Full PDB file with SEQRES, HELIX, SHEET, SSBOND, CRYST1, ORIGX, SCALE, CONECT and MASTER records, all heavy atoms in Angstrom:
SEQRES   1 A   31  ARG LEU LYS SER ASP LEU LEU GLU LEU LEU TRP ALA ALA          
SEQRES   2 A   31  THR GLU ALA ASP THR GLU THR LEU ALA LYS ILE GLU LEU          
SEQRES   3 A   31  GLN TRP ASP ARG ARG                                          
HELIX    1 AA1 LEU A    6  ALA A   12  1                                   7    
HELIX    2 AA2 GLU A   19  ALA A   22  1                                   4    
CRYST1    1.000    1.000    1.000  90.00  90.00  90.00 P 1           1          
ORIGX1      1.000000  0.000000  0.000000        0.00000                         
ORIGX2      0.000000  1.000000  0.000000        0.00000                         
ORIGX3      0.000000  0.000000  1.000000        0.00000                         
SCALE1      1.000000  0.000000  0.000000        0.00000                         
SCALE2      0.000000  1.000000  0.000000        0.00000                         
SCALE3      0.000000  0.000000  1.000000        0.00000                         
ATOM      1  N   ARG A   1     -23.842  -6.667  10.004  1.00  0.00           N  
ATOM      2  CA  ARG A   1     -23.882  -7.596   8.872  1.00  0.00           C  
ATOM      3  C   ARG A   1     -22.508  -8.122   8.469  1.00  0.00           C  
ATOM      4  O   ARG A   1     -22.419  -9.137   7.775  1.00  0.00           O  
ATOM      5  CB  ARG A   1     -24.531  -6.906   7.658  1.00  0.00           C  
ATOM      6  CG  ARG A   1     -26.014  -6.583   7.842  1.00  0.00           C  
ATOM      7  CD  ARG A   1     -26.619  -6.102   6.525  1.00  0.00           C  
ATOM      8  NE  ARG A   1     -26.514  -7.141   5.508  1.00  0.00           N  
ATOM      9  CZ  ARG A   1     -26.114  -6.902   4.256  1.00  0.00           C  
ATOM     10  NH1 ARG A   1     -25.773  -5.684   3.864  1.00  0.00           N  
ATOM     11  NH2 ARG A   1     -26.051  -7.883   3.383  1.00  0.00           N  
ATOM     12  N   LEU A   2     -21.445  -7.447   8.875  1.00  0.00           N  
ATOM     13  CA  LEU A   2     -20.099  -7.867   8.474  1.00  0.00           C  
ATOM     14  C   LEU A   2     -19.694  -9.149   9.199  1.00  0.00           C  
ATOM     15  O   LEU A   2     -19.660  -9.196  10.427  1.00  0.00           O  
ATOM     16  CB  LEU A   2     -19.092  -6.759   8.775  1.00  0.00           C  
ATOM     17  CG  LEU A   2     -17.633  -7.061   8.412  1.00  0.00           C  
ATOM     18  CD1 LEU A   2     -17.476  -7.242   6.903  1.00  0.00           C  
ATOM     19  CD2 LEU A   2     -16.717  -5.950   8.924  1.00  0.00           C  
ATOM     20  N   LYS A   3     -19.374 -10.186   8.449  1.00  0.00           N  
ATOM     21  CA  LYS A   3     -18.951 -11.464   9.031  1.00  0.00           C  
ATOM     22  C   LYS A   3     -17.427 -11.604   9.040  1.00  0.00           C  
ATOM     23  O   LYS A   3     -16.877 -12.414   9.786  1.00  0.00           O  
ATOM     24  CB  LYS A   3     -19.584 -12.629   8.262  1.00  0.00           C  
ATOM     25  CG  LYS A   3     -21.114 -12.629   8.333  1.00  0.00           C  
ATOM     26  CD  LYS A   3     -21.736 -13.752   7.531  1.00  0.00           C  
ATOM     27  CE  LYS A   3     -21.575 -15.090   8.223  1.00  0.00           C  
ATOM     28  NZ  LYS A   3     -22.336 -16.161   7.522  1.00  0.00           N  
ATOM     29  N   SER A   4     -16.743 -10.837   8.216  1.00  0.00           N  
ATOM     30  CA  SER A   4     -15.290 -10.906   8.138  1.00  0.00           C  
ATOM     31  C   SER A   4     -14.645 -10.230   9.343  1.00  0.00           C  
ATOM     32  O   SER A   4     -15.289  -9.480  10.080  1.00  0.00           O  
ATOM     33  CB  SER A   4     -14.799 -10.238   6.852  1.00  0.00           C  
ATOM     34  OG  SER A   4     -15.351 -10.854   5.717  1.00  0.00           O  
ATOM     35  N   ASP A   5     -13.352 -10.489   9.520  1.00  0.00           N  
ATOM     36  CA  ASP A   5     -12.563  -9.926  10.614  1.00  0.00           C  
ATOM     37  C   ASP A   5     -12.234  -8.471  10.284  1.00  0.00           C  
ATOM     38  O   ASP A   5     -11.489  -8.196   9.334  1.00  0.00           O  
ATOM     39  CB  ASP A   5     -11.288 -10.755  10.781  1.00  0.00           C  
ATOM     40  CG  ASP A   5     -10.497 -10.384  12.028  1.00  0.00           C  
ATOM     41  OD1 ASP A   5     -10.373  -9.176  12.321  1.00  0.00           O  
ATOM     42  OD2 ASP A   5      -9.982 -11.302  12.697  1.00  0.00           O  
ATOM     43  N   LEU A   6     -12.784  -7.524  11.056  1.00  0.00           N  
ATOM     44  CA  LEU A   6     -12.554  -6.109  10.787  1.00  0.00           C  
ATOM     45  C   LEU A   6     -11.089  -5.734  11.002  1.00  0.00           C  
ATOM     46  O   LEU A   6     -10.542  -4.903  10.258  1.00  0.00           O  
ATOM     47  CB  LEU A   6     -13.461  -5.248  11.678  1.00  0.00           C  
ATOM     48  CG  LEU A   6     -13.331  -3.731  11.492  1.00  0.00           C  
ATOM     49  CD1 LEU A   6     -13.685  -3.308  10.070  1.00  0.00           C  
ATOM     50  CD2 LEU A   6     -14.201  -2.978  12.507  1.00  0.00           C  
ATOM     51  N   LEU A   7     -10.445  -6.327  11.987  1.00  0.00           N  
ATOM     52  CA  LEU A   7      -9.038  -6.020  12.224  1.00  0.00           C  
ATOM     53  C   LEU A   7      -8.189  -6.406  11.014  1.00  0.00           C  
ATOM     54  O   LEU A   7      -7.314  -5.643  10.582  1.00  0.00           O  
ATOM     55  CB  LEU A   7      -8.531  -6.743  13.471  1.00  0.00           C  
ATOM     56  CG  LEU A   7      -7.031  -6.570  13.764  1.00  0.00           C  
ATOM     57  CD1 LEU A   7      -6.686  -5.107  13.972  1.00  0.00           C  
ATOM     58  CD2 LEU A   7      -6.596  -7.403  14.951  1.00  0.00           C  
ATOM     59  N   GLU A   8      -8.449  -7.569  10.459  1.00  0.00           N  
ATOM     60  CA  GLU A   8      -7.710  -8.017   9.281  1.00  0.00           C  
ATOM     61  C   GLU A   8      -7.884  -7.031   8.125  1.00  0.00           C  
ATOM     62  O   GLU A   8      -6.931  -6.717   7.402  1.00  0.00           O  
ATOM     63  CB  GLU A   8      -8.199  -9.405   8.867  1.00  0.00           C  
ATOM     64  CG  GLU A   8      -7.489  -9.992   7.664  1.00  0.00           C  
ATOM     65  CD  GLU A   8      -8.071 -11.329   7.239  1.00  0.00           C  
ATOM     66  OE1 GLU A   8      -8.681 -12.009   8.086  1.00  0.00           O  
ATOM     67  OE2 GLU A   8      -7.928 -11.689   6.050  1.00  0.00           O  
ATOM     68  N   LEU A   9      -9.094  -6.515   7.966  1.00  0.00           N  
ATOM     69  CA  LEU A   9      -9.393  -5.558   6.908  1.00  0.00           C  
ATOM     70  C   LEU A   9      -8.619  -4.258   7.104  1.00  0.00           C  
ATOM     71  O   LEU A   9      -7.963  -3.760   6.178  1.00  0.00           O  
ATOM     72  CB  LEU A   9     -10.901  -5.286   6.877  1.00  0.00           C  
ATOM     73  CG  LEU A   9     -11.388  -4.166   5.954  1.00  0.00           C  
ATOM     74  CD1 LEU A   9     -11.089  -4.483   4.502  1.00  0.00           C  
ATOM     75  CD2 LEU A   9     -12.880  -3.923   6.162  1.00  0.00           C  
ATOM     76  N   LEU A  10      -8.684  -3.690   8.306  1.00  0.00           N  
ATOM     77  CA  LEU A  10      -8.035  -2.406   8.558  1.00  0.00           C  
ATOM     78  C   LEU A  10      -6.516  -2.535   8.573  1.00  0.00           C  
ATOM     79  O   LEU A  10      -5.802  -1.602   8.186  1.00  0.00           O  
ATOM     80  CB  LEU A  10      -8.548  -1.803   9.875  1.00  0.00           C  
ATOM     81  CG  LEU A  10     -10.067  -1.587   9.958  1.00  0.00           C  
ATOM     82  CD1 LEU A  10     -10.419  -0.807  11.214  1.00  0.00           C  
ATOM     83  CD2 LEU A  10     -10.591  -0.875   8.720  1.00  0.00           C  
ATOM     84  N   TRP A  11      -6.031  -3.681   9.014  1.00  0.00           N  
ATOM     85  CA  TRP A  11      -4.585  -3.927   9.003  1.00  0.00           C  
ATOM     86  C   TRP A  11      -4.081  -3.938   7.557  1.00  0.00           C  
ATOM     87  O   TRP A  11      -3.055  -3.339   7.239  1.00  0.00           O  
ATOM     88  CB  TRP A  11      -4.272  -5.250   9.700  1.00  0.00           C  
ATOM     89  CG  TRP A  11      -2.810  -5.453   9.981  1.00  0.00           C  
ATOM     90  CD1 TRP A  11      -1.897  -6.098   9.205  1.00  0.00           C  
ATOM     91  CD2 TRP A  11      -2.103  -4.992  11.139  1.00  0.00           C  
ATOM     92  NE1 TRP A  11      -0.662  -6.073   9.799  1.00  0.00           N  
ATOM     93  CE2 TRP A  11      -0.753  -5.399  10.989  1.00  0.00           C  
ATOM     94  CE3 TRP A  11      -2.469  -4.277  12.281  1.00  0.00           C  
ATOM     95  CZ2 TRP A  11       0.230  -5.114  11.935  1.00  0.00           C  
ATOM     96  CZ3 TRP A  11      -1.488  -3.996  13.227  1.00  0.00           C  
ATOM     97  CH2 TRP A  11      -0.166  -4.403  13.061  1.00  0.00           C  
ATOM     98  N   ALA A  12      -4.831  -4.608   6.679  1.00  0.00           N  
ATOM     99  CA  ALA A  12      -4.445  -4.671   5.266  1.00  0.00           C  
ATOM    100  C   ALA A  12      -4.412  -3.284   4.639  1.00  0.00           C  
ATOM    101  O   ALA A  12      -3.575  -2.997   3.768  1.00  0.00           O  
ATOM    102  CB  ALA A  12      -5.407  -5.569   4.502  1.00  0.00           C  
ATOM    103  N   ALA A  13      -5.314  -2.419   5.087  1.00  0.00           N  
ATOM    104  CA  ALA A  13      -5.405  -1.068   4.526  1.00  0.00           C  
ATOM    105  C   ALA A  13      -4.354  -0.124   5.090  1.00  0.00           C  
ATOM    106  O   ALA A  13      -4.294   1.045   4.691  1.00  0.00           O  
ATOM    107  CB  ALA A  13      -6.791  -0.496   4.769  1.00  0.00           C  
ATOM    108  N   THR A  14      -3.527  -0.603   6.012  1.00  0.00           N  
ATOM    109  CA  THR A  14      -2.437   0.216   6.551  1.00  0.00           C  
ATOM    110  C   THR A  14      -1.071  -0.379   6.214  1.00  0.00           C  
ATOM    111  O   THR A  14      -0.056   0.082   6.726  1.00  0.00           O  
ATOM    112  CB  THR A  14      -2.562   0.380   8.079  1.00  0.00           C  
ATOM    113  OG1 THR A  14      -2.679  -0.919   8.690  1.00  0.00           O  
ATOM    114  CG2 THR A  14      -3.783   1.206   8.437  1.00  0.00           C  
ATOM    115  N   GLU A  15      -1.053  -1.407   5.355  1.00  0.00           N  
ATOM    116  CA  GLU A  15       0.216  -1.970   4.902  1.00  0.00           C  
ATOM    117  C   GLU A  15       0.865  -1.027   3.882  1.00  0.00           C  
ATOM    118  O   GLU A  15       0.191  -0.183   3.274  1.00  0.00           O  
ATOM    119  CB  GLU A  15      -0.011  -3.340   4.242  1.00  0.00           C  
ATOM    120  CG  GLU A  15      -0.452  -4.434   5.210  1.00  0.00           C  
ATOM    121  CD  GLU A  15       0.700  -4.996   6.033  1.00  0.00           C  
ATOM    122  OE1 GLU A  15       1.629  -4.231   6.379  1.00  0.00           O  
ATOM    123  OE2 GLU A  15       0.661  -6.198   6.332  1.00  0.00           O  
ATOM    124  N   ALA A  16       2.160  -1.176   3.696  1.00  0.00           N  
ATOM    125  CA  ALA A  16       2.878  -0.306   2.768  1.00  0.00           C  
ATOM    126  C   ALA A  16       2.387  -0.495   1.334  1.00  0.00           C  
ATOM    127  O   ALA A  16       2.275   0.464   0.565  1.00  0.00           O  
ATOM    128  CB  ALA A  16       4.379  -0.575   2.856  1.00  0.00           C  
ATOM    129  N   ASP A  17       2.078  -1.746   0.966  1.00  0.00           N  
ATOM    130  CA  ASP A  17       1.560  -1.996  -0.375  1.00  0.00           C  
ATOM    131  C   ASP A  17       0.037  -2.061  -0.336  1.00  0.00           C  
ATOM    132  O   ASP A  17      -0.567  -2.160   0.723  1.00  0.00           O  
ATOM    133  CB  ASP A  17       2.118  -3.308  -0.930  1.00  0.00           C  
ATOM    134  CG  ASP A  17       1.570  -4.508  -0.151  1.00  0.00           C  
ATOM    135  OD1 ASP A  17       2.190  -4.886   0.871  1.00  0.00           O  
ATOM    136  OD2 ASP A  17       0.543  -5.053  -0.565  1.00  0.00           O  
ATOM    137  N   THR A  18      -0.585  -2.022  -1.510  1.00  0.00           N  
ATOM    138  CA  THR A  18      -2.051  -2.088  -1.581  1.00  0.00           C  
ATOM    139  C   THR A  18      -2.543  -3.464  -2.003  1.00  0.00           C  
ATOM    140  O   THR A  18      -3.749  -3.696  -2.040  1.00  0.00           O  
ATOM    141  CB  THR A  18      -2.596  -1.025  -2.558  1.00  0.00           C  
ATOM    142  OG1 THR A  18      -2.084  -1.298  -3.872  1.00  0.00           O  
ATOM    143  CG2 THR A  18      -2.181   0.368  -2.143  1.00  0.00           C  
ATOM    144  N   GLU A  19      -1.619  -4.353  -2.313  1.00  0.00           N  
ATOM    145  CA  GLU A  19      -2.005  -5.680  -2.792  1.00  0.00           C  
ATOM    146  C   GLU A  19      -2.697  -6.503  -1.707  1.00  0.00           C  
ATOM    147  O   GLU A  19      -3.574  -7.312  -1.994  1.00  0.00           O  
ATOM    148  CB  GLU A  19      -0.775  -6.425  -3.325  1.00  0.00           C  
ATOM    149  CG  GLU A  19      -0.198  -5.818  -4.590  1.00  0.00           C  
ATOM    150  CD  GLU A  19      -1.225  -5.684  -5.702  1.00  0.00           C  
ATOM    151  OE1 GLU A  19      -1.881  -6.696  -6.030  1.00  0.00           O  
ATOM    152  OE2 GLU A  19      -1.383  -4.562  -6.228  1.00  0.00           O  
ATOM    153  N   THR A  20      -2.268  -6.315  -0.459  1.00  0.00           N  
ATOM    154  CA  THR A  20      -2.869  -7.076   0.641  1.00  0.00           C  
ATOM    155  C   THR A  20      -4.361  -6.788   0.732  1.00  0.00           C  
ATOM    156  O   THR A  20      -5.180  -7.699   0.882  1.00  0.00           O  
ATOM    157  CB  THR A  20      -2.193  -6.729   1.981  1.00  0.00           C  
ATOM    158  OG1 THR A  20      -0.778  -6.869   1.828  1.00  0.00           O  
ATOM    159  CG2 THR A  20      -2.674  -7.646   3.089  1.00  0.00           C  
ATOM    160  N   LEU A  21      -4.734  -5.511   0.629  1.00  0.00           N  
ATOM    161  CA  LEU A  21      -6.151  -5.133   0.673  1.00  0.00           C  
ATOM    162  C   LEU A  21      -6.900  -5.681  -0.539  1.00  0.00           C  
ATOM    163  O   LEU A  21      -8.030  -6.159  -0.417  1.00  0.00           O  
ATOM    164  CB  LEU A  21      -6.289  -3.609   0.733  1.00  0.00           C  
ATOM    165  CG  LEU A  21      -7.725  -3.061   0.752  1.00  0.00           C  
ATOM    166  CD1 LEU A  21      -8.461  -3.522   2.009  1.00  0.00           C  
ATOM    167  CD2 LEU A  21      -7.728  -1.538   0.657  1.00  0.00           C  
ATOM    168  N   ALA A  22      -6.268  -5.645  -1.686  1.00  0.00           N  
ATOM    169  CA  ALA A  22      -6.924  -6.092  -2.917  1.00  0.00           C  
ATOM    170  C   ALA A  22      -7.274  -7.572  -2.882  1.00  0.00           C  
ATOM    171  O   ALA A  22      -8.196  -8.017  -3.577  1.00  0.00           O  
ATOM    172  CB  ALA A  22      -6.022  -5.799  -4.108  1.00  0.00           C  
ATOM    173  N   LYS A  23      -6.578  -8.352  -2.079  1.00  0.00           N  
ATOM    174  CA  LYS A  23      -6.811  -9.797  -2.012  1.00  0.00           C  
ATOM    175  C   LYS A  23      -7.947 -10.185  -1.068  1.00  0.00           C  
ATOM    176  O   LYS A  23      -8.385 -11.330  -1.059  1.00  0.00           O  
ATOM    177  CB  LYS A  23      -5.526 -10.500  -1.570  1.00  0.00           C  
ATOM    178  CG  LYS A  23      -4.398 -10.416  -2.595  1.00  0.00           C  
ATOM    179  CD  LYS A  23      -3.114 -11.020  -2.042  1.00  0.00           C  
ATOM    180  CE  LYS A  23      -1.954 -10.846  -3.037  1.00  0.00           C  
ATOM    181  NZ  LYS A  23      -0.680 -11.338  -2.462  1.00  0.00           N  
ATOM    182  N   ILE A  24      -8.418  -9.244  -0.256  1.00  0.00           N  
ATOM    183  CA  ILE A  24      -9.453  -9.563   0.740  1.00  0.00           C  
ATOM    184  C   ILE A  24     -10.831  -9.631   0.085  1.00  0.00           C  
ATOM    185  O   ILE A  24     -11.195  -8.787  -0.738  1.00  0.00           O  
ATOM    186  CB  ILE A  24      -9.450  -8.525   1.878  1.00  0.00           C  
ATOM    187  CG1 ILE A  24      -8.196  -8.707   2.744  1.00  0.00           C  
ATOM    188  CG2 ILE A  24     -10.713  -8.640   2.743  1.00  0.00           C  
ATOM    189  CD1 ILE A  24      -8.114  -7.755   3.911  1.00  0.00           C  
ATOM    190  N   GLU A  25     -11.585 -10.660   0.446  1.00  0.00           N  
ATOM    191  CA  GLU A  25     -12.978 -10.781   0.022  1.00  0.00           C  
ATOM    192  C   GLU A  25     -13.855 -10.740   1.264  1.00  0.00           C  
ATOM    193  O   GLU A  25     -13.766 -11.622   2.120  1.00  0.00           O  
ATOM    194  CB  GLU A  25     -13.206 -12.095  -0.739  1.00  0.00           C  
ATOM    195  CG  GLU A  25     -12.515 -12.147  -2.094  1.00  0.00           C  
ATOM    196  CD  GLU A  25     -12.884 -13.395  -2.877  1.00  0.00           C  
ATOM    197  OE1 GLU A  25     -13.910 -14.031  -2.538  1.00  0.00           O  
ATOM    198  OE2 GLU A  25     -12.150 -13.738  -3.820  1.00  0.00           O  
ATOM    199  N   LEU A  26     -14.676  -9.720   1.375  1.00  0.00           N  
ATOM    200  CA  LEU A  26     -15.511  -9.560   2.564  1.00  0.00           C  
ATOM    201  C   LEU A  26     -16.720 -10.474   2.514  1.00  0.00           C  
ATOM    202  O   LEU A  26     -17.329 -10.679   1.461  1.00  0.00           O  
ATOM    203  CB  LEU A  26     -15.964  -8.105   2.688  1.00  0.00           C  
ATOM    204  CG  LEU A  26     -14.852  -7.079   2.945  1.00  0.00           C  
ATOM    205  CD1 LEU A  26     -15.442  -5.682   3.019  1.00  0.00           C  
ATOM    206  CD2 LEU A  26     -14.085  -7.414   4.225  1.00  0.00           C  
ATOM    207  N   GLN A  27     -17.079 -11.005   3.682  1.00  0.00           N  
ATOM    208  CA  GLN A  27     -18.252 -11.861   3.818  1.00  0.00           C  
ATOM    209  C   GLN A  27     -19.330 -11.105   4.592  1.00  0.00           C  
ATOM    210  O   GLN A  27     -19.041 -10.485   5.623  1.00  0.00           O  
ATOM    211  CB  GLN A  27     -17.883 -13.158   4.572  1.00  0.00           C  
ATOM    212  CG  GLN A  27     -16.780 -13.966   3.899  1.00  0.00           C  
ATOM    213  CD  GLN A  27     -17.172 -14.451   2.516  1.00  0.00           C  
ATOM    214  OE1 GLN A  27     -18.287 -14.941   2.304  1.00  0.00           O  
ATOM    215  NE2 GLN A  27     -16.254 -14.313   1.554  1.00  0.00           N  
ATOM    216  N   TRP A  28     -20.565 -11.190   4.105  1.00  0.00           N  
ATOM    217  CA  TRP A  28     -21.671 -10.448   4.697  1.00  0.00           C  
ATOM    218  C   TRP A  28     -22.811 -11.380   5.095  1.00  0.00           C  
ATOM    219  O   TRP A  28     -23.094 -12.353   4.393  1.00  0.00           O  
ATOM    220  CB  TRP A  28     -22.213  -9.400   3.713  1.00  0.00           C  
ATOM    221  CG  TRP A  28     -21.175  -8.392   3.352  1.00  0.00           C  
ATOM    222  CD1 TRP A  28     -20.370  -8.397   2.253  1.00  0.00           C  
ATOM    223  CD2 TRP A  28     -20.811  -7.243   4.119  1.00  0.00           C  
ATOM    224  NE1 TRP A  28     -19.526  -7.317   2.284  1.00  0.00           N  
ATOM    225  CE2 TRP A  28     -19.770  -6.590   3.409  1.00  0.00           C  
ATOM    226  CE3 TRP A  28     -21.253  -6.701   5.326  1.00  0.00           C  
ATOM    227  CZ2 TRP A  28     -19.176  -5.419   3.880  1.00  0.00           C  
ATOM    228  CZ3 TRP A  28     -20.664  -5.537   5.784  1.00  0.00           C  
ATOM    229  CH2 TRP A  28     -19.640  -4.910   5.076  1.00  0.00           C  
ATOM    230  N   ASP A  29     -23.456 -11.067   6.201  1.00  0.00           N  
ATOM    231  CA  ASP A  29     -24.682 -11.759   6.594  1.00  0.00           C  
ATOM    232  C   ASP A  29     -25.737 -11.463   5.535  1.00  0.00           C  
ATOM    233  O   ASP A  29     -25.921 -10.303   5.142  1.00  0.00           O  
ATOM    234  CB  ASP A  29     -25.138 -11.250   7.974  1.00  0.00           C  
ATOM    235  CG  ASP A  29     -26.181 -12.143   8.617  1.00  0.00           C  
ATOM    236  OD1 ASP A  29     -27.162 -12.492   7.939  1.00  0.00           O  
ATOM    237  OD2 ASP A  29     -26.020 -12.474   9.811  1.00  0.00           O  
ATOM    238  N   ARG A  30     -26.415 -12.486   5.060  1.00  0.00           N  
ATOM    239  CA  ARG A  30     -27.429 -12.288   4.012  1.00  0.00           C  
ATOM    240  C   ARG A  30     -28.623 -11.496   4.526  1.00  0.00           C  
ATOM    241  O   ARG A  30     -29.406 -10.954   3.742  1.00  0.00           O  
ATOM    242  CB  ARG A  30     -27.916 -13.643   3.501  1.00  0.00           C  
ATOM    243  CG  ARG A  30     -28.591 -14.476   4.572  1.00  0.00           C  
ATOM    244  CD  ARG A  30     -29.274 -15.714   4.037  1.00  0.00           C  
ATOM    245  NE  ARG A  30     -29.932 -16.466   5.103  1.00  0.00           N  
ATOM    246  CZ  ARG A  30     -31.083 -16.118   5.651  1.00  0.00           C  
ATOM    247  NH1 ARG A  30     -31.724 -15.050   5.232  1.00  0.00           N  
ATOM    248  NH2 ARG A  30     -31.613 -16.850   6.625  1.00  0.00           N  
ATOM    249  N   ARG A  31     -28.784 -11.434   5.847  1.00  0.00           N  
ATOM    250  CA  ARG A  31     -29.922 -10.727   6.427  1.00  0.00           C  
ATOM    251  C   ARG A  31     -29.751  -9.207   6.341  1.00  0.00           C  
ATOM    252  O   ARG A  31     -28.661  -8.698   6.107  1.00  0.00           O  
ATOM    253  CB  ARG A  31     -30.127 -11.145   7.887  1.00  0.00           C  
ATOM    254  CG  ARG A  31     -30.578 -12.588   8.047  1.00  0.00           C  
ATOM    255  CD  ARG A  31     -30.591 -13.010   9.511  1.00  0.00           C  
ATOM    256  NE  ARG A  31     -29.235 -13.061  10.071  1.00  0.00           N  
ATOM    257  CZ  ARG A  31     -28.968 -13.367  11.331  1.00  0.00           C  
ATOM    258  NH1 ARG A  31     -29.954 -13.645  12.176  1.00  0.00           N  
ATOM    259  NH2 ARG A  31     -27.711 -13.402  11.761  1.00  0.00           N  
TER     260      ARG A  31                                                      
MASTER        0    0    0    2    0    0    0    6  259    1    0    3          
END                                                                             
């Protein structure tokens, strides 16, 4: 169901700051 880029998500969660992750909005398949 995940439509967003998983690499972008996990990369943001391994950055030194947490702001990068906080800015991400995940997109989901409505199904």
